[in-house]
């Protein structure tokens, strides 16, 4: 994630969880998650070495440790996994994420329960799942007050639900103690996974990710004819036969090639892709002004390859990894904030080809016209509900969080919701203007592979590399800023 990578340039927070000598007399009124691992072992990881020609920073050798998880609220026990017994009780914990797992002081975790459960306590068997995440509370974003946002994940998922995405993860804030050490506030969140209340695919369906980190997925990947060289589709979420049968992988590859061939040849796209999810996925990102569009966390799925026409089309979703929302990617180079910039998708995926198709463009406009009259009020209602639910309890929790991470959790909930709504209102005006101007890419730009001489060129760390000939630079993405202040991303293969 670009935002996390940029964050590593700033002074590191040397925050180490301290053993709590005495617990608060009363924990703040959000759930307390207490995890005790077998033998007190903590999850570890190594930073993965990026192969030549590939991109990104991620982690490897991040193996699970086993233990017990108890979640309480005041005197009530909301969940107890019991002690770990393989395939029977307990849970396992490991560090998750790519650059977030590699660089953040407050590590994000993946939780894998031995038995399915609904950790959000909504009732009903459909919500039960083994896979959950503990997401780091503070998210670096230089466009936000104090350069952090703690609500953007919930805000973005709520926006996508209001836009009409079939499923978006839900979550709740919790305080976390691991092996008698307070670890701070976390967001307990559903993960992208197969499930009755998540992505409900049949046995012959699939869930894949357009993934720049394919090289770290133990061979669970494939490529298609139109995919860029540094990307591949990974299938660690769900593949027929769990990806163990090569025939199943070949079948999905053939399916994806047929879909992509149709997109590139401008065939009747509605026979191949689900306009409902594709348009809403792109609109969600346009309204969030997401600055990270390098292919990661782009999920696609087919409910059933042999199903009826509503099931066998390629679908998109959910949206995921939204920490760069409303983060103007180039503002670290001193450029003026603008909400008219073309943020989202580039040539990493199908977007330019989709918007060459008049049928898809009309579908985009139609969906936008449907959601536009209500979306601002809906998001204001969401922010009001978050303020009512969390304002006091997260302020109390933030005081605890700062005992470990003194430079985090600086912004109050009302400050954050007001800032998010201000950015959202300005962005929706920008999208209105783009559509009124006959959708010049509808805010969807393309990362050009043709190059003219820029005034200045930077790599993603902010280092000026203008004096190095372009053909001698390492593979990756660069920022070019012309003398008139315009900026664009260019890719070096």
Protein backbone atom coordinates (compact mmCIF):
# COMPACT_ATOMS: atom_id res chain seq x y z
CA UNK A 1 0.00 0.00 0.00
CA UNK A 2 1.43 3.34 -1.05
CA UNK A 3 0.29 5.10 2.12
CA UNK A 4 2.01 2.58 4.36
CA UNK A 5 5.20 2.67 2.32
CA UNK A 6 5.29 6.44 2.54
CA UNK A 7 4.70 6.21 6.28
CA UNK A 8 7.99 4.40 6.68
CA UNK A 9 9.78 7.57 5.62
CA UNK A 10 8.54 9.37 8.70
CA UNK A 11 10.13 9.05 12.14
CA UNK A 12 9.44 5.53 13.34
CA UNK A 13 7.37 5.07 16.45
CA UNK A 14 9.47 2.88 18.66
CA UNK A 15 6.39 1.52 20.39
CA UNK A 16 6.68 -1.74 22.29
CA UNK A 17 3.73 -3.23 24.14
CA UNK A 18 4.31 -3.01 27.86
CA UNK A 19 3.11 -5.53 30.38
CA UNK A 20 0.17 -3.95 32.16
CA UNK A 21 0.97 -3.86 35.85
CA UNK A 22 -2.65 -3.34 36.73
CA UNK A 23 -5.73 -3.47 34.57
CA UNK A 24 -8.12 -0.54 34.53
CA UNK A 25 -10.79 -0.86 37.17
CA UNK A 26 -13.30 -0.66 34.34
CA UNK A 27 -12.33 -1.31 30.75
CA UNK A 28 -13.89 1.06 28.21
CA UNK A 29 -17.28 -0.06 26.98
CA UNK A 30 -16.09 -1.86 23.85
CA UNK A 31 -15.27 -5.58 23.75
CA UNK A 32 -12.01 -6.74 25.27
CA UNK A 33 -10.26 -9.50 23.33
CA UNK A 34 -7.85 -11.55 25.44
CA UNK A 35 -5.59 -14.01 23.62
CA UNK A 36 -3.29 -16.46 25.39
CA UNK A 37 -1.01 -18.49 23.15
CA UNK A 38 0.46 -21.90 23.93
CA UNK A 39 3.73 -21.36 25.77
CA UNK A 40 3.36 -17.59 25.40
CA UNK A 41 4.68 -17.82 21.85
CA UNK A 42 4.18 -14.72 19.70
CA UNK A 43 3.73 -14.76 15.91
CA UNK A 44 6.82 -13.85 13.91
CA UNK A 45 7.56 -13.11 10.26
CA UNK A 46 10.27 -12.25 7.78
CA UNK A 47 10.18 -9.59 5.11
CA UNK A 48 9.97 -11.21 1.71
CA UNK A 49 12.58 -10.44 -0.92
CA UNK A 50 10.84 -9.12 -4.02
CA UNK A 51 11.89 -11.05 -7.15
CA UNK A 52 13.32 -9.07 -10.04
CA UNK A 53 10.56 -7.52 -12.14
CA UNK A 54 7.98 -7.74 -9.33
CA UNK A 55 6.65 -5.06 -7.04
CA UNK A 56 5.70 -4.44 -3.45
CA UNK A 57 6.85 -5.34 0.03
CA UNK A 58 5.26 -8.22 1.89
CA UNK A 59 5.98 -10.81 4.56
CA UNK A 60 6.74 -14.53 4.59
CA UNK A 61 7.28 -17.31 7.12
CA UNK A 62 4.41 -15.83 9.11
CA UNK A 63 3.25 -19.08 10.64
CA UNK A 64 0.33 -19.51 13.01
CA UNK A 65 0.68 -19.90 16.77
CA UNK A 66 -2.08 -21.68 18.64
CA UNK A 67 -3.98 -20.43 21.66
CA UNK A 68 -7.24 -19.43 23.29
CA UNK A 69 -9.32 -16.32 22.67
CA UNK A 70 -11.90 -14.86 25.03
CA UNK A 71 -13.99 -11.79 24.21
CA UNK A 72 -15.79 -10.00 27.02
CA UNK A 73 -17.87 -6.86 27.45
CA UNK A 74 -18.08 -5.67 31.03
CA UNK A 75 -19.00 -8.83 32.95
CA UNK A 76 -20.41 -10.70 29.94
CA UNK A 77 -18.47 -13.29 27.97
CA UNK A 78 -19.32 -12.80 24.30
CA UNK A 79 -17.08 -15.58 22.97
CA UNK A 80 -14.70 -18.21 24.31
CA UNK A 81 -12.77 -20.45 21.94
CA UNK A 82 -11.62 -22.68 24.84
CA UNK A 83 -8.11 -24.10 24.93
CA UNK A 84 -6.55 -25.13 21.66
CA UNK A 85 -7.24 -28.66 20.47
CA UNK A 86 -6.63 -29.09 16.73
CA UNK A 87 -9.88 -29.14 14.71
CA UNK A 88 -11.90 -29.06 17.91
CA UNK A 89 -11.41 -25.88 19.96
CA UNK A 90 -9.20 -22.84 20.37
CA UNK A 91 -7.80 -20.61 17.66
CA UNK A 92 -4.62 -19.73 15.78
CA UNK A 93 -3.01 -16.35 15.27
CA UNK A 94 -0.52 -14.99 12.74
CA UNK A 95 0.67 -11.65 11.41
CA UNK A 96 -1.14 -10.63 8.22
CA UNK A 97 -0.84 -7.95 5.56
CA UNK A 98 1.78 -6.91 3.05
CA UNK A 99 3.49 -3.59 3.77
CA UNK A 100 1.27 -3.18 6.86
CA UNK A 101 2.55 -6.44 8.33
CA UNK A 102 6.11 -5.62 7.32
CA UNK A 103 6.34 -2.07 8.66
CA UNK A 104 3.64 -1.12 11.16
CA UNK A 105 4.54 -1.15 14.85
CA UNK A 106 1.04 -2.32 15.76
CA UNK A 107 0.94 -5.53 13.75
CA UNK A 108 -2.28 -6.65 12.11
CA UNK A 109 -3.29 -10.26 12.78
CA UNK A 110 -5.27 -13.00 11.13
CA UNK A 111 -7.45 -15.10 13.43
CA UNK A 112 -8.39 -18.64 12.44
CA UNK A 113 -10.90 -20.28 14.74
CA UNK A 114 -11.06 -24.05 15.12
CA UNK A 115 -14.85 -23.83 14.97
CA UNK A 116 -16.94 -21.32 13.06
CA UNK A 117 -18.32 -18.43 15.14
CA UNK A 118 -19.78 -14.96 14.65
CA UNK A 119 -17.42 -12.71 16.58
CA UNK A 120 -19.69 -9.73 15.86
CA UNK A 121 -22.52 -11.44 17.77
CA UNK A 122 -25.22 -10.78 15.18
CA UNK A 123 -27.03 -14.09 15.63
CA UNK A 124 -27.76 -16.64 12.96
CA UNK A 125 -25.59 -19.46 11.65
CA UNK A 126 -24.95 -17.70 8.33
CA UNK A 127 -22.59 -15.23 10.04
CA UNK A 128 -20.34 -17.91 11.47
CA UNK A 129 -16.90 -18.23 9.93
CA UNK A 130 -13.45 -19.39 10.96
CA UNK A 131 -11.54 -16.50 9.40
CA UNK A 132 -11.30 -13.02 10.97
CA UNK A 133 -8.81 -10.16 11.13
CA UNK A 134 -7.54 -7.78 13.77
CA UNK A 135 -6.67 -4.63 11.82
CA UNK A 136 -4.31 -1.98 13.19
CA UNK A 137 -6.19 1.00 14.59
CA UNK A 138 -4.13 3.94 13.34
CA UNK A 139 -3.93 4.28 9.55
CA UNK A 140 -1.36 6.66 8.11
CA UNK A 141 -2.88 9.12 5.64
CA UNK A 142 -1.21 12.51 5.09
CA UNK A 143 -4.45 14.17 3.99
CA UNK A 144 -6.05 13.58 7.41
CA UNK A 145 -5.54 15.60 10.61
CA UNK A 146 -2.36 14.49 12.38
CA UNK A 147 -1.69 12.30 9.32
CA UNK A 148 -3.88 9.48 10.56
CA UNK A 149 -7.36 8.12 10.15
CA UNK A 150 -8.94 5.43 12.27
CA UNK A 151 -12.41 5.31 10.73
CA UNK A 152 -11.69 5.07 6.99
CA UNK A 153 -12.11 1.28 6.82
CA UNK A 154 -15.59 1.33 8.37
CA UNK A 155 -16.50 4.45 6.39
CA UNK A 156 -15.44 2.89 3.08
CA UNK A 157 -17.25 -0.37 3.68
CA UNK A 158 -20.41 1.52 4.66
CA UNK A 159 -20.13 3.60 1.49
CA UNK A 160 -19.85 0.47 -0.67
CA UNK A 161 -22.90 -1.03 1.03
CA UNK A 162 -24.88 2.13 0.33
CA UNK A 163 -23.69 2.10 -3.28
CA UNK A 164 -25.11 -1.41 -3.48
CA UNK A 165 -22.22 -3.88 -3.29
CA UNK A 166 -23.71 -7.32 -2.45
CA UNK A 167 -21.35 -7.94 0.48
CA UNK A 168 -18.91 -5.80 2.38
CA UNK A 169 -17.03 -6.81 5.55
CA UNK A 170 -18.40 -5.60 8.86
CA UNK A 171 -16.39 -4.95 11.98
CA UNK A 172 -16.22 -3.50 15.47
CA UNK A 173 -13.54 -1.83 17.54
CA UNK A 174 -12.02 -3.84 20.37
CA UNK A 175 -9.22 -3.55 22.91
CA UNK A 176 -6.70 -6.38 22.63
CA UNK A 177 -4.51 -8.10 25.21
CA UNK A 178 -2.11 -10.83 24.05
CA UNK A 179 -0.20 -12.88 26.62
CA UNK A 180 -0.90 -10.36 29.38
CA UNK A 181 0.31 -7.39 27.33
CA UNK A 182 -2.08 -4.67 26.20
CA UNK A 183 -1.68 -4.28 22.43
CA UNK A 184 -3.96 -1.33 21.75
CA UNK A 185 -7.23 -0.72 19.91
CA UNK A 186 -7.94 -2.94 16.92
CA UNK A 187 -10.69 -3.25 14.35
CA UNK A 188 -12.10 -6.78 14.48
CA UNK A 189 -13.18 -7.36 10.89
CA UNK A 190 -14.63 -10.01 8.63
CA UNK A 191 -12.16 -11.17 5.98
CA UNK A 192 -12.71 -11.86 2.30
CA UNK A 193 -13.72 -15.49 2.29
CA UNK A 194 -16.18 -18.03 1.00
CA UNK A 195 -19.26 -18.21 3.21
CA UNK A 196 -23.01 -18.07 3.26
CA UNK A 197 -22.98 -14.49 4.51
CA UNK A 198 -19.74 -13.49 2.74
CA UNK A 199 -19.01 -14.47 -0.88
CA UNK A 200 -21.44 -17.31 -1.41
CA UNK A 201 -19.97 -19.35 -4.25
CA UNK A 202 -20.95 -22.89 -5.22
CA UNK A 203 -18.55 -25.83 -5.31
CA UNK A 204 -17.70 -25.03 -8.94
CA UNK A 205 -17.36 -21.30 -8.27
CA UNK A 206 -14.18 -19.42 -7.42
CA UNK A 207 -12.74 -16.32 -5.72
CA UNK A 208 -9.52 -14.83 -7.11
CA UNK A 209 -7.42 -11.72 -6.55
CA UNK A 210 -5.53 -9.65 -9.10
CA UNK A 211 -2.36 -9.71 -7.06
CA UNK A 212 1.13 -8.16 -7.36
CA UNK A 213 2.24 -10.46 -4.52
CA UNK A 214 1.53 -13.68 -6.45
CA UNK A 215 5.16 -14.68 -6.05
CA UNK A 216 4.59 -15.18 -2.32
CA UNK A 217 1.55 -17.46 -2.59
CA UNK A 218 3.14 -20.93 -2.71
CA UNK A 219 2.30 -21.51 -6.35
CA UNK A 220 -1.41 -20.77 -6.00
CA UNK A 221 -1.60 -18.44 -8.96
CA UNK A 222 -2.16 -18.33 -12.70
CA UNK A 223 -1.89 -15.74 -15.46
CA UNK A 224 -4.16 -14.79 -18.33
CA UNK A 225 -3.48 -13.54 -21.84
CA UNK A 226 -4.20 -9.87 -21.12
CA UNK A 227 -2.67 -9.62 -17.64
CA UNK A 228 0.32 -7.36 -17.04
CA UNK A 229 3.63 -9.12 -16.49
CA UNK A 230 4.04 -8.17 -12.82
CA UNK A 231 0.55 -9.41 -11.85
CA UNK A 232 -1.11 -12.81 -11.53
CA UNK A 233 -4.41 -14.13 -10.20
CA UNK A 234 -4.07 -15.81 -6.82
CA UNK A 235 -6.68 -18.14 -5.40
CA UNK A 236 -6.02 -18.65 -1.71
CA UNK A 237 -9.64 -17.66 -0.91
CA UNK A 238 -11.45 -20.37 -2.85
CA UNK A 239 -10.89 -22.51 -5.92
CA UNK A 240 -12.84 -25.67 -6.87
CA UNK A 241 -11.11 -28.54 -5.11
CA UNK A 242 -9.26 -25.95 -2.99
CA UNK A 243 -6.90 -25.43 -5.91
CA UNK A 244 -5.36 -28.86 -5.54
CA UNK A 245 -6.62 -30.10 -8.90
CA UNK A 246 -4.83 -28.65 -11.90
CA UNK A 247 -7.93 -29.25 -14.02
CA UNK A 248 -9.89 -26.85 -11.80
CA UNK A 249 -7.20 -24.17 -12.11
CA UNK A 250 -7.08 -24.66 -15.87
CA UNK A 251 -10.87 -24.34 -16.04
CA UNK A 252 -10.84 -21.01 -14.20
CA UNK A 253 -7.94 -19.74 -16.33
CA UNK A 254 -9.89 -20.61 -19.48
CA UNK A 255 -12.97 -18.87 -18.06
CA UNK A 256 -10.99 -15.72 -17.32
CA UNK A 257 -9.39 -15.71 -20.76
CA UNK A 258 -12.82 -15.89 -22.39
CA UNK A 259 -14.01 -12.94 -20.29
CA UNK A 260 -10.91 -10.87 -21.03
CA UNK A 261 -11.03 -11.66 -24.74
CA UNK A 262 -14.60 -10.36 -24.77
CA UNK A 263 -13.56 -7.15 -22.97
CA UNK A 264 -10.68 -6.52 -25.37
CA UNK A 265 -12.77 -7.28 -28.46
CA UNK A 266 -15.69 -5.11 -27.24
CA UNK A 267 -18.19 -7.95 -27.49
CA UNK A 268 -21.55 -7.91 -25.74
CA UNK A 269 -19.99 -7.49 -22.31
CA UNK A 270 -23.17 -7.99 -20.30
CA UNK A 271 -23.03 -11.66 -21.30
CA UNK A 272 -19.64 -12.06 -19.62
CA UNK A 273 -19.37 -9.63 -16.70
CA UNK A 274 -21.86 -8.58 -14.08
CA UNK A 275 -22.47 -4.87 -14.67
CA UNK A 276 -24.18 -4.56 -11.27
CA UNK A 277 -21.02 -5.31 -9.25
CA UNK A 278 -18.47 -3.91 -11.73
CA UNK A 279 -20.09 -0.47 -11.89
CA UNK A 280 -20.66 -0.26 -8.14
CA UNK A 281 -17.11 -1.36 -7.34
CA UNK A 282 -15.67 1.39 -9.56
CA UNK A 283 -18.12 4.04 -8.31
CA UNK A 284 -17.20 3.19 -4.71
CA UNK A 285 -13.53 3.79 -5.47
CA UNK A 286 -14.28 6.95 -7.43
CA UNK A 287 -16.25 8.38 -4.50
CA UNK A 288 -13.49 7.44 -2.07
CA UNK A 289 -10.77 8.95 -4.28
CA UNK A 290 -8.58 5.94 -3.59
CA UNK A 291 -4.94 6.57 -4.35
CA UNK A 292 -3.76 2.95 -4.37
CA UNK A 293 -4.58 1.19 -7.64
CA UNK A 294 -1.70 -1.12 -8.39
CA UNK A 295 -3.79 -4.28 -8.57
CA UNK A 296 -3.66 -5.46 -4.96
CA UNK A 297 -6.91 -6.36 -3.24
CA UNK A 298 -8.91 -6.47 -6.47
CA UNK A 299 -11.20 -9.43 -5.87
CA UNK A 300 -13.27 -11.18 -8.52
CA UNK A 301 -15.55 -14.18 -8.25
CA UNK A 302 -17.95 -16.43 -10.11
CA UNK A 303 -20.75 -17.99 -8.12
CA UNK A 304 -21.02 -21.02 -10.39
CA UNK A 305 -19.33 -21.71 -13.71
CA UNK A 306 -22.19 -24.00 -14.64
CA UNK A 307 -25.00 -21.92 -13.18
CA UNK A 308 -27.60 -19.77 -14.85
CA UNK A 309 -26.79 -16.41 -16.44
CA UNK A 310 -27.05 -14.56 -13.13
CA UNK A 311 -24.51 -16.90 -11.49
CA UNK A 312 -21.92 -17.60 -14.16
CA UNK A 313 -20.91 -14.02 -14.97
CA UNK A 314 -17.70 -12.58 -13.54
CA UNK A 315 -18.40 -10.33 -10.53
CA UNK A 316 -16.26 -7.85 -8.59
CA UNK A 317 -16.03 -7.31 -4.89
CA UNK A 318 -15.81 -6.57 -2.15
CA UNK A 319 -13.77 -3.35 -2.02
CA UNK A 320 -10.83 -3.77 0.35
CA UNK A 321 -7.73 -1.98 1.61
CA UNK A 322 -8.95 1.62 1.59
CA UNK A 323 -6.28 3.35 3.69
CA UNK A 324 -5.33 5.65 0.81
CA UNK A 325 -8.85 7.06 0.43
CA UNK A 326 -8.86 10.86 0.01
CA UNK A 327 -5.07 10.75 0.10
CA UNK A 328 -3.90 12.80 -2.84
CA UNK A 329 -0.93 10.61 -3.81
CA UNK A 330 1.23 13.51 -4.93
CA UNK A 331 0.78 15.88 -2.02
CA UNK A 332 4.02 14.70 -0.42
CA UNK A 333 5.75 16.50 -3.28
CA UNK A 334 4.11 19.77 -2.27
CA UNK A 335 1.29 19.80 -4.80
CA UNK A 336 -2.00 21.44 -4.03
CA UNK A 337 -4.85 19.23 -2.84
CA UNK A 338 -7.48 18.73 -5.49
CA UNK A 339 -10.56 16.58 -5.53
CA UNK A 340 -10.74 16.70 -9.32
CA UNK A 341 -7.69 14.51 -9.80
CA UNK A 342 -8.22 11.22 -11.55
CA UNK A 343 -7.47 8.79 -8.78
CA UNK A 344 -8.60 5.34 -9.42
CA UNK A 345 -7.93 2.59 -11.71
CA UNK A 346 -5.15 2.61 -14.17
CA UNK A 347 -3.93 0.21 -16.83
CA UNK A 348 -3.37 -2.45 -14.18
CA UNK A 349 -6.80 -3.88 -14.92
CA UNK A 350 -9.76 -3.72 -17.31
CA UNK A 351 -10.93 -0.16 -16.63
CA UNK A 352 -9.74 1.66 -19.76
CA UNK A 353 -11.21 -1.07 -21.95
CA UNK A 354 -14.49 -1.09 -20.04
CA UNK A 355 -14.92 2.64 -20.55
CA UNK A 356 -14.39 2.27 -24.26
CA UNK A 357 -17.63 0.27 -24.25
CA UNK A 358 -20.70 2.50 -24.57
CA UNK A 359 -22.92 -0.11 -22.93
CA UNK A 360 -20.76 -0.14 -19.81
CA UNK A 361 -20.48 3.66 -19.71
CA UNK A 362 -24.26 3.98 -19.79
CA UNK A 363 -24.55 1.41 -17.02
CA UNK A 364 -22.07 3.40 -14.91
CA UNK A 365 -24.06 6.60 -15.45
CA UNK A 366 -27.34 4.89 -14.64
CA UNK A 367 -26.07 3.44 -11.37
CA UNK A 368 -24.53 6.76 -10.36
CA UNK A 369 -27.83 8.53 -11.06
CA UNK A 370 -29.61 6.01 -8.82
CA UNK A 371 -27.35 6.40 -5.81
CA UNK A 372 -26.55 10.12 -6.12
CA UNK A 373 -29.74 11.60 -4.54
CA UNK A 374 -29.32 9.64 -1.31
CA UNK A 375 -25.65 8.83 -0.80
CA UNK A 376 -24.62 12.00 1.08
CA UNK A 377 -27.46 11.67 3.60
CA UNK A 378 -26.74 7.96 4.01
CA UNK A 379 -23.09 8.58 4.80
CA UNK A 380 -23.95 11.41 7.18
CA UNK A 381 -26.30 9.03 9.01
CA UNK A 382 -23.51 6.46 9.19
CA UNK A 383 -21.09 9.03 10.64
CA UNK A 384 -23.70 10.14 13.18
CA UNK A 385 -24.21 6.53 14.26
CA UNK A 386 -20.46 5.97 14.63
CA UNK A 387 -20.15 9.13 16.70
CA UNK A 388 -23.00 8.06 18.96
CA UNK A 389 -21.68 4.51 19.32
CA UNK A 390 -17.97 5.15 19.77
CA UNK A 391 -17.26 8.74 20.72
CA UNK A 392 -16.85 8.24 24.46
CA UNK A 393 -15.62 4.64 24.49
CA UNK A 394 -12.93 5.18 21.88
CA UNK A 395 -11.72 8.34 23.63
CA UNK A 396 -11.23 6.26 26.77
CA UNK A 397 -9.57 3.49 24.77
CA UNK A 398 -7.37 5.99 22.92
CA UNK A 399 -5.85 7.08 26.24
CA UNK A 400 -4.81 3.46 26.80
CA UNK A 401 -3.63 3.11 23.21
CA UNK A 402 -1.33 6.13 23.57
CA UNK A 403 0.46 4.51 26.51
CA UNK A 404 1.94 2.18 23.88
CA UNK A 405 1.79 4.30 20.71
CA UNK A 406 2.08 7.89 21.97
CA UNK A 407 1.76 9.53 18.54
CA UNK A 408 -1.37 7.64 17.48
CA UNK A 409 -5.09 7.99 18.22
CA UNK A 410 -4.81 11.78 18.39
CA UNK A 411 -8.08 12.66 16.64
CA UNK A 412 -11.49 12.50 18.28
CA UNK A 413 -14.34 10.62 16.62
CA UNK A 414 -16.36 13.81 15.90
CA UNK A 415 -13.25 15.39 14.33
CA UNK A 416 -12.72 12.36 12.12
CA UNK A 417 -16.32 12.01 10.96
CA UNK A 418 -16.53 15.74 10.18
CA UNK A 419 -13.30 15.55 8.17
CA UNK A 420 -14.44 12.46 6.26
CA UNK A 421 -17.78 14.03 5.38
CA UNK A 422 -16.08 17.22 4.21
CA UNK A 423 -13.79 15.23 1.92
CA UNK A 424 -16.66 13.06 0.72
CA UNK A 425 -18.85 16.05 -0.14
CA UNK A 426 -16.05 17.67 -2.10
CA UNK A 427 -15.24 14.46 -3.92
CA UNK A 428 -18.84 13.80 -4.94
CA UNK A 429 -19.00 17.30 -6.44
CA UNK A 430 -15.86 16.42 -8.40
CA UNK A 431 -17.39 13.18 -9.70
CA UNK A 432 -20.57 15.10 -10.62
CA UNK A 433 -18.42 17.46 -12.67
CA UNK A 434 -16.56 14.64 -14.39
CA UNK A 435 -19.81 13.00 -15.44
CA UNK A 436 -21.31 16.32 -16.53
CA UNK A 437 -18.25 16.81 -18.74
CA UNK A 438 -19.22 13.61 -20.57
CA UNK A 439 -17.10 11.45 -18.29
CA UNK A 440 -13.51 12.14 -19.30
CA UNK A 441 -12.58 8.68 -17.97
CA UNK A 442 -15.09 9.33 -15.13
CA UNK A 443 -12.16 10.06 -12.91
CA UNK A 444 -10.57 6.85 -14.07
CA UNK A 445 -7.15 7.55 -15.46
CA UNK A 446 -4.68 5.36 -17.20
CA UNK A 447 -1.09 4.89 -16.23
CA UNK A 448 0.58 5.80 -19.47
CA UNK A 449 3.40 3.70 -20.82
CA UNK A 450 4.40 6.39 -23.31
CA UNK A 451 6.81 8.94 -21.95
CA UNK A 452 7.66 12.52 -22.64
CA UNK A 453 10.43 14.35 -20.83
CA UNK A 454 9.06 15.36 -17.39
CA UNK A 455 10.23 18.29 -15.33
CA UNK A 456 10.84 16.05 -12.34
CA UNK A 457 10.53 12.30 -11.68
CA UNK A 458 10.27 10.60 -8.26
CA UNK A 459 10.12 7.01 -7.09
CA UNK A 460 7.49 5.98 -4.56
CA UNK A 461 9.77 6.77 -1.64
CA UNK A 462 9.85 10.42 -2.76
CA UNK A 463 13.45 10.23 -4.03
CA UNK A 464 14.21 12.43 -7.04
CA UNK A 465 15.44 10.13 -9.83
CA UNK A 466 15.21 12.65 -12.69
CA UNK A 467 18.90 12.42 -13.53
CA UNK A 468 18.74 8.66 -14.10
CA UNK A 469 17.70 7.67 -17.64
CA UNK A 470 14.28 6.05 -17.57
CA UNK A 471 15.50 2.85 -19.21
CA UNK A 472 18.08 2.44 -16.45
CA UNK A 473 15.59 2.70 -13.57
CA UNK A 474 14.42 -0.46 -11.76
CA UNK A 475 10.99 -1.83 -12.63
CA UNK A 476 8.24 -0.07 -10.73
CA UNK A 477 5.93 2.92 -10.60
CA UNK A 478 7.20 6.51 -10.75
CA UNK A 479 5.65 9.95 -10.33
CA UNK A 480 6.30 12.52 -13.04
CA UNK A 481 5.52 16.19 -12.33
CA UNK A 482 5.53 18.61 -15.22
CA UNK A 483 6.37 22.27 -15.04
CA UNK A 484 2.66 23.24 -15.01
CA UNK A 485 2.12 21.20 -11.83
CA UNK A 486 0.35 18.26 -13.46
CA UNK A 487 1.34 14.86 -12.10
CA UNK A 488 0.94 11.36 -13.37
CA UNK A 489 2.07 7.84 -12.58
CA UNK A 490 4.18 5.98 -15.11
CA UNK A 491 5.27 2.38 -15.05
CA UNK A 492 8.71 1.01 -15.82
CA UNK A 493 8.58 -2.66 -16.70
